[in-house]
């Protein structure tokens, strides 16, 4: 699937944008603050129902308007979808797919799988486990339809259990919660184990492509000792959980850990190597989705590629073109795009961005 048309109204400094997009590479060139990253943010919002920069919608809506509107046309080989999202200053979200109400953000996310590569994305490696869980769960969301409902039910049950911890006196009072919690936790964890096992070799191969001097390995941690029965873990941890007021151990603590030559990557890799590793992880996961579902994945690249040396830029371009993905790349000048050979590819489109105005070159 690819985004063939994008309409933006009142989104940050993008007041009125209507673009016909390439199914291949789309380049956005302009000075800092011109609106390049805002366009990537708008695409991300259309696919996720949220921003990668701010959780406060009032900061995204143009200051003299009451809402922003995003509209896109999504094309596949035999189908197309019209999608629209409106976010009001009061917080209300209106979402339509093919003109129909009653859809959820998850429905839209399935239509627009995307990976974003940006300098701030290093939290995937040096941030907390929640970033790596989100990375892993992205793939499960797109490859296993039942995962989203199971994980949503598990999070809801955890909230209920945490609330009950303040009211119960003995563990017997929690048993009816924990029997269901164990079932859901084991289902979610097994799906994560299976996916991580299949994805890890793809990650390691892609890391060798970008960082041949290092041996990168990926290992999934389910959130508790794999040799322990989760029902026993909950029973043994009751007094501790009751004392702190929440369930300390479980699938909500899972992690996907990366090592370089046997050591945690955040401890031994330079900033430049971490950037390459983050790029390799996003690329490997997007390519794996393409292989498994025969479905395009959008790649949003915000100024990151300009920080790579020439050889790595060419390697990144090669892999993206081979995957036949739809790609959006921002740069300050056209010279920074020379390594992507855009002038010799008829399907590539170049846009100039200036003060919120976007025009094809």
Protein backbone atom coordinates (compact mmCIF):
# COMPACT_ATOMS: atom_id res chain seq x y z
CA UNK A 1 0.00 0.00 0.00
CA UNK A 2 1.14 3.55 -0.61
CA UNK A 3 -0.11 7.05 -0.01
CA UNK A 4 -0.88 8.56 -3.41
CA UNK A 5 -2.44 11.84 -2.30
CA UNK A 6 -2.16 13.90 0.88
CA UNK A 7 -4.23 16.91 1.93
CA UNK A 8 -3.29 18.88 5.06
CA UNK A 9 -5.14 21.79 6.64
CA UNK A 10 -4.05 23.82 9.68
CA UNK A 11 -1.41 21.34 10.83
CA UNK A 12 1.37 23.39 12.48
CA UNK A 13 2.56 25.81 9.79
CA UNK A 14 1.03 23.76 6.96
CA UNK A 15 -2.21 25.65 6.34
CA UNK A 16 -3.24 24.32 2.94
CA UNK A 17 -1.29 21.45 1.35
CA UNK A 18 -2.50 19.17 -1.45
CA UNK A 19 0.13 16.82 -2.87
CA UNK A 20 0.20 14.05 -5.47
CA UNK A 21 2.82 11.62 -4.19
CA UNK A 22 5.14 9.09 -5.78
CA UNK A 23 4.80 5.42 -4.90
CA UNK A 24 8.60 5.44 -4.67
CA UNK A 25 10.81 8.21 -3.26
CA UNK A 26 9.43 11.60 -2.22
CA UNK A 27 12.07 14.20 -1.35
CA UNK A 28 11.32 17.31 0.74
CA UNK A 29 13.91 20.07 0.53
CA UNK A 30 13.86 23.25 2.60
CA UNK A 31 15.48 25.25 5.38
CA UNK A 32 15.06 24.33 9.03
CA UNK A 33 11.63 25.39 10.25
CA UNK A 34 10.14 25.45 6.76
CA UNK A 35 7.70 22.59 7.43
CA UNK A 36 9.55 19.45 6.23
CA UNK A 37 9.33 17.60 9.52
CA UNK A 38 5.74 18.80 9.98
CA UNK A 39 4.79 17.01 6.78
CA UNK A 40 6.36 13.77 8.04
CA UNK A 41 4.54 14.33 11.32
CA UNK A 42 1.24 14.74 9.47
CA UNK A 43 1.77 11.45 7.61
CA UNK A 44 2.66 9.73 10.88
CA UNK A 45 -0.44 11.19 12.54
CA UNK A 46 -2.62 9.94 9.69
CA UNK A 47 -1.29 6.43 10.27
CA UNK A 48 -1.18 6.40 14.07
CA UNK A 49 -3.69 8.96 15.33
CA UNK A 50 -0.92 10.65 17.29
CA UNK A 51 2.26 12.66 16.80
CA UNK A 52 5.84 11.51 17.21
CA UNK A 53 6.68 14.94 18.65
CA UNK A 54 3.89 16.10 20.99
CA UNK A 55 0.98 14.54 22.87
CA UNK A 56 -0.78 17.91 23.12
CA UNK A 57 -3.00 18.45 20.08
CA UNK A 58 -3.34 22.20 20.77
CA UNK A 59 0.35 22.54 19.96
CA UNK A 60 -0.20 20.95 16.56
CA UNK A 61 -3.34 22.82 15.47
CA UNK A 62 -2.50 26.13 13.80
CA UNK A 63 -2.90 28.89 16.39
CA UNK A 64 -5.82 30.69 14.70
CA UNK A 65 -7.94 27.60 13.87
CA UNK A 66 -10.15 25.24 15.84
CA UNK A 67 -8.97 21.99 14.26
CA UNK A 68 -6.63 20.36 11.80
CA UNK A 69 -7.68 18.01 9.00
CA UNK A 70 -5.68 15.28 7.30
CA UNK A 71 -6.90 13.41 4.26
CA UNK A 72 -5.19 10.74 2.24
CA UNK A 73 -5.75 8.34 -0.60
CA UNK A 74 -4.20 4.92 -0.08
CA UNK A 75 -3.63 2.70 -3.11
CA UNK A 76 -3.05 -1.03 -3.38
CA UNK A 77 -2.85 -3.20 -6.49
CA UNK A 78 -6.61 -3.86 -6.65
CA UNK A 79 -8.05 -1.52 -4.02
CA UNK A 80 -7.94 2.06 -2.81
CA UNK A 81 -9.12 3.75 0.36
CA UNK A 82 -9.99 7.32 1.20
CA UNK A 83 -9.07 8.17 4.78
CA UNK A 84 -9.66 11.33 6.76
CA UNK A 85 -8.83 12.46 10.27
CA UNK A 86 -9.94 15.63 12.03
CA UNK A 87 -8.62 16.69 15.43
CA UNK A 88 -10.49 19.44 17.27
CA UNK A 89 -9.01 21.81 19.81
CA UNK A 90 -11.36 20.43 22.48
CA UNK A 91 -9.78 17.00 21.97
CA UNK A 92 -12.39 15.25 19.84
CA UNK A 93 -11.12 13.07 16.99
CA UNK A 94 -13.21 12.33 13.90
CA UNK A 95 -11.99 9.45 11.73
CA UNK A 96 -13.46 8.28 8.43
CA UNK A 97 -12.47 5.49 6.06
CA UNK A 98 -14.16 5.57 2.64
CA UNK A 99 -16.57 8.14 4.06
CA UNK A 100 -17.74 5.86 6.86
CA UNK A 101 -17.73 6.76 10.56
CA UNK A 102 -17.27 4.33 13.42
CA UNK A 103 -13.70 3.32 12.61
CA UNK A 104 -10.87 3.07 15.11
CA UNK A 105 -7.30 4.30 14.85
CA UNK A 106 -6.23 0.65 14.72
CA UNK A 107 -8.20 0.26 11.46
CA UNK A 108 -6.29 3.16 9.96
CA UNK A 109 -2.94 1.91 11.27
CA UNK A 110 -3.43 -1.40 9.46
CA UNK A 111 -3.77 0.49 6.18
CA UNK A 112 -0.60 2.56 6.64
CA UNK A 113 2.25 0.57 8.22
CA UNK A 114 5.24 2.87 8.52
CA UNK A 115 8.68 3.14 10.07
CA UNK A 116 10.26 6.45 11.02
CA UNK A 117 14.01 7.06 11.09
CA UNK A 118 15.02 10.27 12.82
CA UNK A 119 17.84 11.54 15.06
CA UNK A 120 15.59 11.46 18.14
CA UNK A 121 14.91 7.78 17.52
CA UNK A 122 17.92 6.62 19.54
CA UNK A 123 15.58 6.08 22.50
CA UNK A 124 14.89 2.73 20.87
CA UNK A 125 18.39 1.76 22.02
CA UNK A 126 19.25 3.93 25.01
CA UNK A 127 15.74 4.53 26.36
CA UNK A 128 13.67 2.31 28.62
CA UNK A 129 12.19 -1.10 27.73
CA UNK A 130 8.86 0.48 26.73
CA UNK A 131 10.44 1.77 23.51
CA UNK A 132 11.65 -1.68 22.53
CA UNK A 133 8.34 -3.31 23.49
CA UNK A 134 6.60 -0.82 21.19
CA UNK A 135 9.07 -1.72 18.42
CA UNK A 136 8.32 -5.42 18.82
CA UNK A 137 4.57 -4.95 19.18
CA UNK A 138 4.45 -2.89 15.97
CA UNK A 139 5.32 -6.01 14.00
CA UNK A 140 2.86 -8.18 15.92
CA UNK A 141 0.10 -5.62 15.36
CA UNK A 142 0.56 -5.81 11.59
CA UNK A 143 1.27 -9.54 11.28
CA UNK A 144 -1.07 -11.06 13.87
CA UNK A 145 -4.57 -9.49 13.98
CA UNK A 146 -5.41 -11.17 17.31
CA UNK A 147 -2.43 -9.61 19.10
CA UNK A 148 -3.99 -6.15 19.45
CA UNK A 149 -7.15 -7.42 21.14
CA UNK A 150 -5.21 -9.73 23.46
CA UNK A 151 -2.73 -7.03 24.48
CA UNK A 152 -5.53 -4.49 24.98
CA UNK A 153 -7.41 -6.95 27.19
CA UNK A 154 -4.24 -7.66 29.16
CA UNK A 155 -3.56 -3.98 29.84
CA UNK A 156 -7.17 -3.46 30.93
CA UNK A 157 -6.96 -6.44 33.30
CA UNK A 158 -3.69 -5.17 34.77
CA UNK A 159 -5.36 -1.85 35.58
CA UNK A 160 -8.20 -3.69 37.31
CA UNK A 161 -5.77 -5.86 39.26
CA UNK A 162 -3.75 -2.84 40.34
CA UNK A 163 -6.90 -1.13 41.58
CA UNK A 164 -7.91 -4.30 43.46
CA UNK A 165 -4.53 -4.50 45.21
CA UNK A 166 -5.51 -1.51 47.35
CA UNK A 167 -8.70 -3.23 48.51
CA UNK A 168 -7.91 -6.91 49.09
CA UNK A 169 -6.36 -8.30 52.26
CA UNK A 170 -5.22 -11.76 51.19
CA UNK A 171 -4.11 -13.33 47.93
CA UNK A 172 -7.20 -15.53 47.71
CA UNK A 173 -9.18 -12.36 46.98
CA UNK A 174 -7.13 -11.85 43.80
CA UNK A 175 -7.30 -15.36 42.41
CA UNK A 176 -10.23 -14.67 40.07
CA UNK A 177 -8.23 -11.79 38.51
CA UNK A 178 -5.00 -13.73 38.29
CA UNK A 179 -6.37 -16.83 36.58
CA UNK A 180 -7.41 -14.70 33.60
CA UNK A 181 -4.25 -12.59 33.84
CA UNK A 182 -2.08 -15.69 33.56
CA UNK A 183 -3.95 -16.86 30.44
CA UNK A 184 -3.64 -13.50 28.68
CA UNK A 185 -0.03 -13.00 29.73
CA UNK A 186 1.01 -16.39 28.39
CA UNK A 187 -0.76 -15.75 25.07
CA UNK A 188 0.84 -12.33 24.59
CA UNK A 189 4.27 -13.51 25.68
CA UNK A 190 4.20 -16.53 23.37
CA UNK A 191 3.31 -14.33 20.40
CA UNK A 192 6.20 -12.03 21.28
CA UNK A 193 8.60 -14.96 21.67
CA UNK A 194 7.62 -16.40 18.29
CA UNK A 195 7.89 -13.06 16.50
CA UNK A 196 11.21 -12.11 18.15
CA UNK A 197 12.64 -15.52 17.23
CA UNK A 198 11.76 -14.98 13.56
CA UNK A 199 12.75 -11.32 13.43
CA UNK A 200 16.12 -11.65 15.19
CA UNK A 201 17.96 -13.32 12.27
CA UNK A 202 16.68 -10.61 9.92
CA UNK A 203 17.93 -7.94 12.31
CA UNK A 204 21.33 -9.59 12.63
CA UNK A 205 21.72 -9.89 8.83
CA UNK A 206 20.77 -6.24 8.29
CA UNK A 207 23.16 -5.13 11.04
CA UNK A 208 25.96 -7.00 9.30
CA UNK A 209 25.08 -5.05 6.15
CA UNK A 210 25.55 -1.69 7.91
CA UNK A 211 27.96 -2.59 10.75
CA UNK A 212 30.10 -5.49 9.49
CA UNK A 213 32.76 -4.74 12.11
CA UNK A 214 30.37 -5.74 14.92
CA UNK A 215 28.44 -8.85 15.89
CA UNK A 216 24.97 -7.61 16.81
CA UNK A 217 22.58 -10.00 18.55
CA UNK A 218 18.96 -9.55 19.64
CA UNK A 219 17.36 -11.33 22.58
CA UNK A 220 13.81 -11.20 23.91
CA UNK A 221 13.10 -11.05 27.66
CA UNK A 222 9.48 -11.87 28.49
CA UNK A 223 9.29 -9.89 31.75
CA UNK A 224 10.02 -12.67 34.24
CA UNK A 225 12.31 -15.69 34.49
CA UNK A 226 11.35 -18.04 31.66
CA UNK A 227 11.89 -21.05 33.90
CA UNK A 228 9.26 -19.84 36.39
CA UNK A 229 5.53 -20.45 36.18
CA UNK A 230 3.80 -17.05 35.92
CA UNK A 231 0.98 -18.08 38.26
CA UNK A 232 3.59 -18.79 40.95
CA UNK A 233 5.32 -15.47 40.24
CA UNK A 234 2.06 -13.60 40.90
CA UNK A 235 1.31 -15.54 44.08
CA UNK A 236 4.81 -15.10 45.48
CA UNK A 237 4.84 -11.39 44.63
CA UNK A 238 1.47 -10.54 46.18
CA UNK A 239 2.78 -8.80 49.32
CA UNK A 240 5.29 -6.80 47.29
CA UNK A 241 2.69 -5.80 44.69
CA UNK A 242 0.22 -4.82 47.38
CA UNK A 243 2.87 -2.73 49.11
CA UNK A 244 3.85 -0.75 46.00
CA UNK A 245 0.31 -0.64 44.57
CA UNK A 246 0.87 -2.23 41.16
CA UNK A 247 1.81 -5.51 39.45
CA UNK A 248 5.58 -5.41 39.21
CA UNK A 249 6.29 -8.49 37.06
CA UNK A 250 4.73 -9.61 33.81
CA UNK A 251 4.42 -9.00 30.07
CA UNK A 252 4.23 -5.26 30.74
CA UNK A 253 7.94 -5.46 31.68
CA UNK A 254 9.12 -7.31 28.57
CA UNK A 255 12.21 -6.12 26.72
CA UNK A 256 13.99 -6.74 23.42
CA UNK A 257 17.69 -6.33 24.13
CA UNK A 258 20.52 -5.74 21.69
CA UNK A 259 24.18 -6.55 22.23
CA UNK A 260 27.34 -5.75 20.29
CA UNK A 261 30.15 -8.29 20.66
CA UNK A 262 28.39 -9.59 23.77
CA UNK A 263 27.94 -6.22 25.51
CA UNK A 264 24.89 -3.89 25.75
CA UNK A 265 24.96 -1.68 22.65
CA UNK A 266 24.29 1.52 24.60
CA UNK A 267 27.49 0.92 26.60
CA UNK A 268 29.95 0.25 23.79
CA UNK A 269 28.72 1.83 20.54
CA UNK A 270 29.49 5.38 19.46
CA UNK A 271 26.63 7.75 18.69
CA UNK A 272 27.24 7.23 14.98
CA UNK A 273 27.13 3.45 15.36
CA UNK A 274 23.94 3.69 17.43
CA UNK A 275 22.34 5.71 14.61
CA UNK A 276 23.31 3.05 12.10
CA UNK A 277 21.97 0.32 14.36
CA UNK A 278 18.66 2.14 14.83
CA UNK A 279 18.41 2.54 11.06
CA UNK A 280 19.13 -1.18 10.57
CA UNK A 281 16.45 -2.18 13.09
CA UNK A 282 13.75 -0.06 11.46
CA UNK A 283 14.73 -1.23 8.00
CA UNK A 284 14.86 -4.91 8.98
CA UNK A 285 11.44 -4.82 10.59
CA UNK A 286 9.85 -2.98 7.67
CA UNK A 287 11.39 -5.37 5.16
CA UNK A 288 10.24 -8.39 7.20
CA UNK A 289 6.66 -7.10 7.08
CA UNK A 290 6.93 -6.65 3.31
CA UNK A 291 8.19 -10.23 2.91
CA UNK A 292 5.53 -11.76 5.13
CA UNK A 293 2.46 -9.83 3.96
CA UNK A 294 3.45 -8.70 0.47
CA UNK A 295 2.41 -5.24 1.64
CA UNK A 296 4.31 -2.00 1.29
CA UNK A 297 5.74 -0.24 4.31
CA UNK A 298 6.25 3.53 4.32
CA UNK A 299 9.61 4.83 5.50
CA UNK A 300 9.86 8.38 6.89
CA UNK A 301 13.46 9.62 7.09
CA UNK A 302 13.99 12.98 8.75
CA UNK A 303 17.47 14.43 8.13
CA UNK A 304 19.00 11.27 9.47
CA UNK A 305 20.56 10.12 6.22
CA UNK A 306 22.54 13.37 5.94
CA UNK A 307 24.52 12.29 9.03
CA UNK A 308 25.72 9.05 7.44
CA UNK A 309 28.94 8.81 5.49
CA UNK A 310 28.68 8.39 1.74
CA UNK A 311 29.04 4.60 1.80
CA UNK A 312 26.28 4.14 4.39
CA UNK A 313 23.99 6.55 2.52
CA UNK A 314 24.37 4.49 -0.63
CA UNK A 315 23.74 1.26 1.27
CA UNK A 316 20.55 2.68 2.81
CA UNK A 317 19.32 3.88 -0.59
CA UNK A 318 20.09 0.51 -2.16
CA UNK A 319 18.08 -1.40 0.44
CA UNK A 320 15.12 0.98 0.29
CA UNK A 321 14.95 0.85 -3.50
CA UNK A 322 15.22 -2.95 -3.52
CA UNK A 323 12.29 -3.19 -1.09
CA UNK A 324 10.16 -1.08 -3.50
CA UNK A 325 8.91 0.88 -0.51
CA UNK A 326 7.35 4.31 -0.49
CA UNK A 327 9.90 6.63 1.09
CA UNK A 328 9.77 10.23 2.35
CA UNK A 329 13.13 11.93 2.90
CA UNK A 330 13.82 15.45 4.17
CA UNK A 331 16.96 17.46 3.44
CA UNK A 332 18.08 21.07 3.66
CA UNK A 333 19.62 21.18 0.16
CA UNK A 334 19.39 19.12 -3.02
CA UNK A 335 23.11 18.37 -2.73
CA UNK A 336 22.39 16.23 0.33
CA UNK A 337 20.26 13.98 -1.87
CA UNK A 338 22.90 13.37 -4.50
CA UNK A 339 23.72 9.93 -3.06
CA UNK A 340 20.09 8.85 -3.59
CA UNK A 341 20.42 9.40 -7.34
CA UNK A 342 17.02 11.05 -7.54
CA UNK A 343 17.67 12.77 -10.86
CA UNK A 344 18.02 9.42 -12.67
CA UNK A 345 14.84 7.84 -11.32
CA UNK A 346 11.71 8.83 -13.18
CA UNK A 347 9.40 7.84 -10.33
CA UNK A 348 11.11 10.06 -7.76
CA UNK A 349 9.40 13.34 -6.84
CA UNK A 350 11.12 16.39 -5.37
CA UNK A 351 9.21 19.01 -3.37
CA UNK A 352 10.45 22.39 -2.22
CA UNK A 353 9.26 23.45 1.23
CA UNK A 354 9.28 27.12 2.21
CA UNK A 355 7.34 28.78 5.05
CA UNK A 356 4.69 26.05 5.08
CA UNK A 357 4.23 26.10 1.30
CA UNK A 358 5.10 22.88 -0.56
CA UNK A 359 5.56 22.86 -4.32
CA UNK A 360 6.87 20.18 -6.70
CA UNK A 361 10.12 21.03 -8.45
